[in-house]
Amino acid sequence: MAEVHAHEFPGHYDAVVCMELLEHVPRPASIIAACARLVRPGGNVFFATVNRTWLSWLLVIVAAEYVMGIVRKGTHAYRKLVTPDELKQWGADAGLSLENLSGLRYIPFGGHAALCRSTGMNYLMHFRKEAHGSLEQPPLV
C-alpha cells in the first residue's frame, strides 16, 4: 500500500510515478498525498489517469471493455474517473505545485501513443514538491 510505504520512506525518492492507478482506488487523494510524502523537496511526481468525460466513457468503457474486449469488462467505473481539476486540487492539497498537464492519445491498433493537447480522455500531470525555503529545484542525483 502506497500510504504505508510513504510512512516508512518519506522524502526518499527524487521522482515518483503513478500511472493509470488513480481511477481504480477508493480514495485517490490519499494516494496523491502518499506520493507527495515519498518525494524529496524539489522532487517530481507524475500521474497518468483517465478523465471523466463522455469521450472517455465512450472509448475507454464502452469501446475498449464491451465492444473490442481490449480491457476486462468492469475495469473502469465512470464515477471513479478523475478530472484534471480534481487531480490539480488534490496535488495542491498535498503540497505539490503543477508543472505541466498534457493529453495522451493512444491508438490501440498499432500500439501508438503520443502526447497531445487534448485532455478529453487520458492525460498526464507533472507536479513538483517545493524545495524547503526556495523555489529553485536542486539537481537530480
N, C-alpha and C. Protein backbone atom coordinates (compact mmCIF):
# COMPACT_ATOMS: atom_id res chain seq x y z
N MET A 1 0.84 -1.18 0.00
CA MET A 1 0.00 0.00 0.00
C MET A 1 0.89 1.25 0.00
N ALA A 2 0.57 2.20 -0.85
CA ALA A 2 1.37 3.41 -1.01
C ALA A 2 1.46 4.21 0.28
N GLU A 3 0.37 4.27 1.00
CA GLU A 3 0.36 5.06 2.24
C GLU A 3 1.34 4.50 3.27
N VAL A 4 1.42 3.19 3.39
CA VAL A 4 2.35 2.55 4.33
C VAL A 4 3.78 2.81 3.88
N HIS A 5 4.04 2.65 2.60
CA HIS A 5 5.38 2.89 2.07
C HIS A 5 5.80 4.35 2.31
N ALA A 6 4.87 5.28 2.13
CA ALA A 6 5.16 6.70 2.35
C ALA A 6 5.49 6.98 3.82
N HIS A 7 4.84 6.27 4.72
CA HIS A 7 5.12 6.42 6.14
C HIS A 7 6.53 5.93 6.47
N GLU A 8 6.95 4.85 5.82
CA GLU A 8 8.26 4.25 6.09
C GLU A 8 9.41 4.95 5.36
N PHE A 9 9.13 5.59 4.23
CA PHE A 9 10.19 6.19 3.41
C PHE A 9 9.88 7.62 2.98
N PRO A 10 9.55 8.52 3.91
CA PRO A 10 9.24 9.90 3.50
C PRO A 10 10.46 10.59 2.90
N GLY A 11 10.24 11.33 1.82
CA GLY A 11 11.30 12.09 1.19
C GLY A 11 12.43 11.26 0.62
N HIS A 12 12.16 10.02 0.31
CA HIS A 12 13.20 9.07 -0.10
C HIS A 12 13.53 9.13 -1.59
N TYR A 13 12.63 9.59 -2.42
CA TYR A 13 12.79 9.49 -3.87
C TYR A 13 12.94 10.85 -4.54
N ASP A 14 13.70 10.87 -5.64
CA ASP A 14 13.81 12.07 -6.48
C ASP A 14 12.56 12.25 -7.33
N ALA A 15 11.96 11.15 -7.72
CA ALA A 15 10.75 11.19 -8.56
C ALA A 15 9.85 10.02 -8.18
N VAL A 16 8.56 10.26 -8.27
CA VAL A 16 7.55 9.23 -8.03
C VAL A 16 6.61 9.23 -9.23
N VAL A 17 6.30 8.05 -9.75
CA VAL A 17 5.45 7.91 -10.93
C VAL A 17 4.26 7.03 -10.56
N CYS A 18 3.07 7.51 -10.83
CA CYS A 18 1.83 6.78 -10.54
C CYS A 18 1.01 6.77 -11.83
N MET A 19 1.05 5.65 -12.54
CA MET A 19 0.43 5.57 -13.86
C MET A 19 -0.81 4.69 -13.85
N GLU A 20 -1.92 5.25 -14.30
CA GLU A 20 -3.16 4.50 -14.53
C GLU A 20 -3.64 3.75 -13.28
N LEU A 21 -3.54 4.40 -12.13
CA LEU A 21 -3.98 3.79 -10.87
C LEU A 21 -5.11 4.57 -10.22
N LEU A 22 -5.06 5.90 -10.28
CA LEU A 22 -5.98 6.74 -9.52
C LEU A 22 -7.45 6.42 -9.80
N GLU A 23 -7.76 6.03 -11.04
CA GLU A 23 -9.16 5.75 -11.40
C GLU A 23 -9.64 4.40 -10.89
N HIS A 24 -8.79 3.68 -10.16
CA HIS A 24 -9.16 2.36 -9.66
C HIS A 24 -9.21 2.26 -8.13
N VAL A 25 -8.85 3.31 -7.43
CA VAL A 25 -8.76 3.25 -5.97
C VAL A 25 -9.91 4.01 -5.32
N PRO A 26 -10.29 3.63 -4.09
CA PRO A 26 -11.42 4.29 -3.45
C PRO A 26 -11.13 5.73 -3.02
N ARG A 27 -9.87 6.06 -2.69
CA ARG A 27 -9.53 7.40 -2.22
C ARG A 27 -8.29 7.91 -2.96
N PRO A 28 -8.45 8.41 -4.18
CA PRO A 28 -7.29 8.86 -4.95
C PRO A 28 -6.50 9.97 -4.24
N ALA A 29 -7.15 10.83 -3.50
CA ALA A 29 -6.44 11.91 -2.79
C ALA A 29 -5.43 11.34 -1.80
N SER A 30 -5.73 10.19 -1.22
CA SER A 30 -4.81 9.55 -0.28
C SER A 30 -3.56 9.03 -1.00
N ILE A 31 -3.71 8.50 -2.19
CA ILE A 31 -2.57 8.04 -2.99
C ILE A 31 -1.71 9.23 -3.39
N ILE A 32 -2.35 10.32 -3.80
CA ILE A 32 -1.62 11.52 -4.20
C ILE A 32 -0.82 12.08 -3.02
N ALA A 33 -1.44 12.12 -1.85
CA ALA A 33 -0.74 12.59 -0.65
C ALA A 33 0.44 11.68 -0.31
N ALA A 34 0.27 10.37 -0.48
CA ALA A 34 1.37 9.44 -0.22
C ALA A 34 2.52 9.67 -1.20
N CYS A 35 2.20 9.88 -2.46
CA CYS A 35 3.24 10.16 -3.45
C CYS A 35 3.99 11.45 -3.09
N ALA A 36 3.27 12.45 -2.63
CA ALA A 36 3.90 13.71 -2.21
C ALA A 36 4.83 13.49 -1.02
N ARG A 37 4.45 12.63 -0.09
CA ARG A 37 5.31 12.34 1.07
C ARG A 37 6.56 11.56 0.65
N LEU A 38 6.43 10.71 -0.35
CA LEU A 38 7.56 9.88 -0.79
C LEU A 38 8.66 10.68 -1.48
N VAL A 39 8.33 11.78 -2.13
CA VAL A 39 9.31 12.53 -2.91
C VAL A 39 10.00 13.57 -2.02
N ARG A 40 11.29 13.76 -2.29
CA ARG A 40 12.06 14.74 -1.54
C ARG A 40 11.65 16.16 -1.94
N PRO A 41 11.94 17.18 -1.12
CA PRO A 41 11.70 18.56 -1.55
C PRO A 41 12.46 18.85 -2.84
N GLY A 42 11.79 19.47 -3.78
CA GLY A 42 12.36 19.73 -5.10
C GLY A 42 12.16 18.59 -6.07
N GLY A 43 11.61 17.47 -5.60
CA GLY A 43 11.40 16.30 -6.44
C GLY A 43 10.16 16.41 -7.31
N ASN A 44 10.01 15.45 -8.19
CA ASN A 44 8.93 15.45 -9.18
C ASN A 44 7.99 14.28 -8.96
N VAL A 45 6.70 14.52 -9.21
CA VAL A 45 5.68 13.48 -9.11
C VAL A 45 4.87 13.53 -10.41
N PHE A 46 4.67 12.35 -11.00
CA PHE A 46 3.96 12.23 -12.27
C PHE A 46 2.76 11.31 -12.11
N PHE A 47 1.62 11.73 -12.66
CA PHE A 47 0.41 10.92 -12.65
C PHE A 47 -0.11 10.79 -14.07
N ALA A 48 -0.67 9.64 -14.39
CA ALA A 48 -1.41 9.44 -15.64
C ALA A 48 -2.72 8.79 -15.25
N THR A 49 -3.82 9.28 -15.82
CA THR A 49 -5.13 8.74 -15.48
C THR A 49 -6.11 9.01 -16.61
N VAL A 50 -7.34 8.61 -16.42
CA VAL A 50 -8.40 8.77 -17.41
C VAL A 50 -9.35 9.87 -16.93
N ASN A 51 -9.63 10.81 -17.80
CA ASN A 51 -10.52 11.92 -17.48
C ASN A 51 -11.98 11.44 -17.46
N ARG A 52 -12.81 12.09 -16.66
CA ARG A 52 -14.23 11.77 -16.57
C ARG A 52 -15.00 12.64 -17.56
N THR A 53 -15.05 12.17 -18.82
CA THR A 53 -15.75 12.88 -19.89
C THR A 53 -16.59 11.87 -20.68
N TRP A 54 -17.47 12.37 -21.51
CA TRP A 54 -18.28 11.49 -22.35
C TRP A 54 -17.39 10.72 -23.32
N LEU A 55 -16.29 11.35 -23.78
CA LEU A 55 -15.38 10.70 -24.71
C LEU A 55 -14.69 9.50 -24.05
N SER A 56 -14.23 9.67 -22.82
CA SER A 56 -13.58 8.54 -22.14
C SER A 56 -14.59 7.45 -21.82
N TRP A 57 -15.80 7.84 -21.47
CA TRP A 57 -16.85 6.83 -21.23
C TRP A 57 -17.05 6.00 -22.50
N LEU A 58 -17.17 6.70 -23.64
CA LEU A 58 -17.42 6.02 -24.91
C LEU A 58 -16.24 5.14 -25.34
N LEU A 59 -15.02 5.68 -25.27
CA LEU A 59 -13.87 4.95 -25.81
C LEU A 59 -13.21 3.99 -24.81
N VAL A 60 -13.10 4.39 -23.56
CA VAL A 60 -12.42 3.55 -22.57
C VAL A 60 -13.35 2.48 -22.01
N ILE A 61 -14.58 2.87 -21.71
CA ILE A 61 -15.50 1.91 -21.09
C ILE A 61 -16.29 1.13 -22.15
N VAL A 62 -17.04 1.82 -22.96
CA VAL A 62 -17.91 1.13 -23.93
C VAL A 62 -17.08 0.41 -25.00
N ALA A 63 -16.22 1.15 -25.70
CA ALA A 63 -15.48 0.54 -26.82
C ALA A 63 -14.42 -0.46 -26.35
N ALA A 64 -13.53 -0.03 -25.45
CA ALA A 64 -12.41 -0.89 -25.05
C ALA A 64 -12.85 -2.09 -24.23
N GLU A 65 -13.83 -1.90 -23.35
CA GLU A 65 -14.24 -3.00 -22.47
C GLU A 65 -15.32 -3.88 -23.08
N TYR A 66 -16.33 -3.28 -23.68
CA TYR A 66 -17.50 -4.05 -24.11
C TYR A 66 -17.55 -4.38 -25.59
N VAL A 67 -17.00 -3.52 -26.45
CA VAL A 67 -17.06 -3.77 -27.88
C VAL A 67 -15.84 -4.54 -28.36
N MET A 68 -14.63 -4.02 -28.08
CA MET A 68 -13.41 -4.64 -28.58
C MET A 68 -12.79 -5.65 -27.62
N GLY A 69 -13.14 -5.59 -26.35
CA GLY A 69 -12.61 -6.53 -25.38
C GLY A 69 -11.12 -6.36 -25.10
N ILE A 70 -10.58 -5.15 -25.30
CA ILE A 70 -9.17 -4.88 -25.03
C ILE A 70 -8.90 -4.89 -23.53
N VAL A 71 -9.87 -4.44 -22.77
CA VAL A 71 -9.77 -4.36 -21.31
C VAL A 71 -10.91 -5.19 -20.73
N ARG A 72 -10.65 -5.85 -19.62
CA ARG A 72 -11.67 -6.68 -18.97
C ARG A 72 -12.90 -5.84 -18.60
N LYS A 73 -14.08 -6.36 -18.87
CA LYS A 73 -15.33 -5.67 -18.55
C LYS A 73 -15.37 -5.33 -17.06
N GLY A 74 -15.78 -4.09 -16.77
CA GLY A 74 -15.90 -3.64 -15.39
C GLY A 74 -14.62 -3.06 -14.80
N THR A 75 -13.55 -3.00 -15.61
CA THR A 75 -12.29 -2.45 -15.11
C THR A 75 -12.43 -0.99 -14.69
N HIS A 76 -13.18 -0.22 -15.45
CA HIS A 76 -13.35 1.21 -15.15
C HIS A 76 -14.78 1.50 -14.74
N ALA A 77 -14.92 2.33 -13.73
CA ALA A 77 -16.23 2.86 -13.32
C ALA A 77 -16.22 4.35 -13.62
N TYR A 78 -17.18 4.82 -14.39
CA TYR A 78 -17.19 6.21 -14.82
C TYR A 78 -17.07 7.19 -13.65
N ARG A 79 -17.77 6.93 -12.57
CA ARG A 79 -17.77 7.85 -11.42
C ARG A 79 -16.39 7.94 -10.76
N LYS A 80 -15.51 6.95 -10.99
CA LYS A 80 -14.19 6.95 -10.37
C LYS A 80 -13.11 7.59 -11.26
N LEU A 81 -13.46 7.93 -12.49
CA LEU A 81 -12.50 8.60 -13.35
C LEU A 81 -12.22 9.99 -12.77
N VAL A 82 -11.04 10.52 -13.02
CA VAL A 82 -10.55 11.72 -12.33
C VAL A 82 -10.37 12.87 -13.32
N THR A 83 -11.00 14.00 -13.03
CA THR A 83 -10.83 15.17 -13.89
C THR A 83 -9.50 15.86 -13.58
N PRO A 84 -8.95 16.59 -14.55
CA PRO A 84 -7.73 17.34 -14.28
C PRO A 84 -7.88 18.34 -13.13
N ASP A 85 -9.03 18.97 -13.01
CA ASP A 85 -9.24 19.91 -11.89
C ASP A 85 -9.18 19.20 -10.54
N GLU A 86 -9.75 18.00 -10.45
CA GLU A 86 -9.68 17.24 -9.20
C GLU A 86 -8.24 16.88 -8.87
N LEU A 87 -7.51 16.38 -9.86
CA LEU A 87 -6.13 15.99 -9.62
C LEU A 87 -5.28 17.20 -9.23
N LYS A 88 -5.48 18.30 -9.91
CA LYS A 88 -4.74 19.53 -9.58
C LYS A 88 -5.01 19.95 -8.14
N GLN A 89 -6.26 19.90 -7.71
CA GLN A 89 -6.61 20.30 -6.35
C GLN A 89 -6.02 19.34 -5.31
N TRP A 90 -6.14 18.05 -5.56
CA TRP A 90 -5.58 17.07 -4.62
C TRP A 90 -4.06 17.21 -4.53
N GLY A 91 -3.42 17.52 -5.66
CA GLY A 91 -1.98 17.76 -5.66
C GLY A 91 -1.63 18.98 -4.82
N ALA A 92 -2.36 20.06 -5.01
CA ALA A 92 -2.13 21.28 -4.22
C ALA A 92 -2.35 21.01 -2.73
N ASP A 93 -3.41 20.27 -2.41
CA ASP A 93 -3.69 19.93 -1.01
C ASP A 93 -2.54 19.13 -0.39
N ALA A 94 -1.81 18.39 -1.22
CA ALA A 94 -0.70 17.56 -0.75
C ALA A 94 0.64 18.31 -0.77
N GLY A 95 0.60 19.60 -1.13
CA GLY A 95 1.82 20.40 -1.14
C GLY A 95 2.61 20.32 -2.44
N LEU A 96 1.94 19.97 -3.52
CA LEU A 96 2.59 19.87 -4.82
C LEU A 96 2.17 21.03 -5.71
N SER A 97 3.09 21.51 -6.54
CA SER A 97 2.73 22.56 -7.50
C SER A 97 2.73 21.98 -8.91
N LEU A 98 1.71 22.34 -9.65
CA LEU A 98 1.54 21.84 -11.01
C LEU A 98 2.61 22.42 -11.93
N GLU A 99 3.30 21.55 -12.65
CA GLU A 99 4.32 21.96 -13.62
C GLU A 99 3.81 21.82 -15.05
N ASN A 100 3.06 20.74 -15.33
CA ASN A 100 2.64 20.51 -16.71
C ASN A 100 1.43 19.58 -16.74
N LEU A 101 0.57 19.82 -17.72
CA LEU A 101 -0.58 18.96 -18.00
C LEU A 101 -0.56 18.69 -19.49
N SER A 102 -0.56 17.42 -19.87
CA SER A 102 -0.58 17.04 -21.28
C SER A 102 -1.60 15.94 -21.50
N GLY A 103 -2.25 15.98 -22.64
CA GLY A 103 -3.12 14.89 -23.03
C GLY A 103 -2.29 13.73 -23.54
N LEU A 104 -2.91 12.57 -23.55
CA LEU A 104 -2.24 11.37 -24.07
C LEU A 104 -3.19 10.70 -25.05
N ARG A 105 -2.72 10.54 -26.27
CA ARG A 105 -3.51 9.87 -27.30
C ARG A 105 -2.94 8.48 -27.51
N TYR A 106 -3.78 7.47 -27.39
CA TYR A 106 -3.35 6.09 -27.58
C TYR A 106 -4.19 5.45 -28.68
N ILE A 107 -3.52 4.90 -29.64
CA ILE A 107 -4.19 4.19 -30.74
C ILE A 107 -3.88 2.70 -30.55
N PRO A 108 -4.86 1.91 -30.08
CA PRO A 108 -4.58 0.51 -29.77
C PRO A 108 -4.17 -0.32 -30.97
N PHE A 109 -4.67 0.02 -32.14
CA PHE A 109 -4.30 -0.73 -33.35
C PHE A 109 -2.98 -0.15 -33.85
N GLY A 110 -1.90 -0.86 -33.61
CA GLY A 110 -0.58 -0.37 -33.98
C GLY A 110 0.24 0.03 -32.78
N GLY A 111 -0.39 0.10 -31.60
CA GLY A 111 0.34 0.40 -30.37
C GLY A 111 0.98 1.77 -30.34
N HIS A 112 0.35 2.77 -30.93
CA HIS A 112 0.92 4.11 -30.99
C HIS A 112 0.37 4.97 -29.85
N ALA A 113 1.27 5.65 -29.15
CA ALA A 113 0.87 6.60 -28.11
C ALA A 113 1.68 7.87 -28.30
N ALA A 114 1.07 9.02 -28.02
CA ALA A 114 1.77 10.30 -28.16
C ALA A 114 1.12 11.34 -27.25
N LEU A 115 1.92 12.28 -26.81
CA LEU A 115 1.37 13.41 -26.07
C LEU A 115 0.59 14.28 -27.03
N CYS A 116 -0.45 14.94 -26.51
CA CYS A 116 -1.26 15.83 -27.33
C CYS A 116 -1.84 16.93 -26.44
N ARG A 117 -2.55 17.85 -27.03
CA ARG A 117 -3.14 18.95 -26.26
C ARG A 117 -4.45 18.56 -25.57
N SER A 118 -5.16 17.64 -26.15
CA SER A 118 -6.48 17.28 -25.63
C SER A 118 -6.36 16.39 -24.39
N THR A 119 -7.01 16.81 -23.32
CA THR A 119 -7.08 16.02 -22.09
C THR A 119 -8.45 15.37 -21.95
N GLY A 120 -9.19 15.28 -23.04
CA GLY A 120 -10.54 14.76 -23.01
C GLY A 120 -10.65 13.28 -22.68
N MET A 121 -9.55 12.56 -22.77
CA MET A 121 -9.59 11.13 -22.46
C MET A 121 -8.48 10.82 -21.45
N ASN A 122 -7.31 10.45 -21.89
CA ASN A 122 -6.21 10.19 -20.97
C ASN A 122 -5.34 11.45 -20.86
N TYR A 123 -4.70 11.61 -19.70
CA TYR A 123 -3.80 12.75 -19.55
C TYR A 123 -2.72 12.43 -18.53
N LEU A 124 -1.65 13.22 -18.60
CA LEU A 124 -0.54 13.12 -17.66
C LEU A 124 -0.38 14.46 -16.96
N MET A 125 -0.07 14.41 -15.68
CA MET A 125 0.14 15.62 -14.91
C MET A 125 1.46 15.50 -14.15
N HIS A 126 2.27 16.56 -14.26
CA HIS A 126 3.58 16.62 -13.61
C HIS A 126 3.52 17.67 -12.51
N PHE A 127 3.88 17.25 -11.31
CA PHE A 127 3.95 18.16 -10.16
C PHE A 127 5.38 18.23 -9.65
N ARG A 128 5.68 19.28 -8.93
CA ARG A 128 6.95 19.40 -8.22
C ARG A 128 6.66 19.74 -6.77
N LYS A 129 7.41 19.10 -5.89
CA LYS A 129 7.31 19.41 -4.46
C LYS A 129 8.29 20.54 -4.18
N GLU A 130 7.80 21.62 -3.64
CA GLU A 130 8.66 22.79 -3.41
C GLU A 130 9.83 22.44 -2.50
N ALA A 131 11.00 22.94 -2.90
CA ALA A 131 12.20 22.76 -2.06
C ALA A 131 12.05 23.63 -0.83
N HIS A 132 12.55 23.17 0.30
CA HIS A 132 12.46 23.94 1.54
C HIS A 132 13.12 25.29 1.39
N GLY A 133 12.36 26.36 1.64
CA GLY A 133 12.90 27.71 1.66
C GLY A 133 13.34 28.24 0.31
N SER A 134 12.99 27.56 -0.77
CA SER A 134 13.44 28.02 -2.08
C SER A 134 12.49 27.51 -3.15
N LEU A 135 12.36 28.30 -4.20
CA LEU A 135 11.58 27.85 -5.35
C LEU A 135 12.47 27.14 -6.35
N GLU A 136 13.78 27.21 -6.17
CA GLU A 136 14.69 26.53 -7.08
C GLU A 136 14.77 25.06 -6.75
N GLN A 137 14.87 24.27 -7.79
CA GLN A 137 15.00 22.82 -7.61
C GLN A 137 16.46 22.43 -7.65
N PRO A 138 16.92 21.72 -6.62
CA PRO A 138 18.29 21.22 -6.69
C PRO A 138 18.41 20.18 -7.79
N PRO A 139 19.61 19.98 -8.33
CA PRO A 139 19.75 19.00 -9.41
C PRO A 139 19.45 17.58 -8.92
N LEU A 140 18.86 16.80 -9.83
CA LEU A 140 18.59 15.40 -9.52
C LEU A 140 19.91 14.64 -9.50
N VAL A 141 20.04 13.73 -8.59
CA VAL A 141 21.27 12.95 -8.45
C VAL A 141 21.07 11.57 -9.03
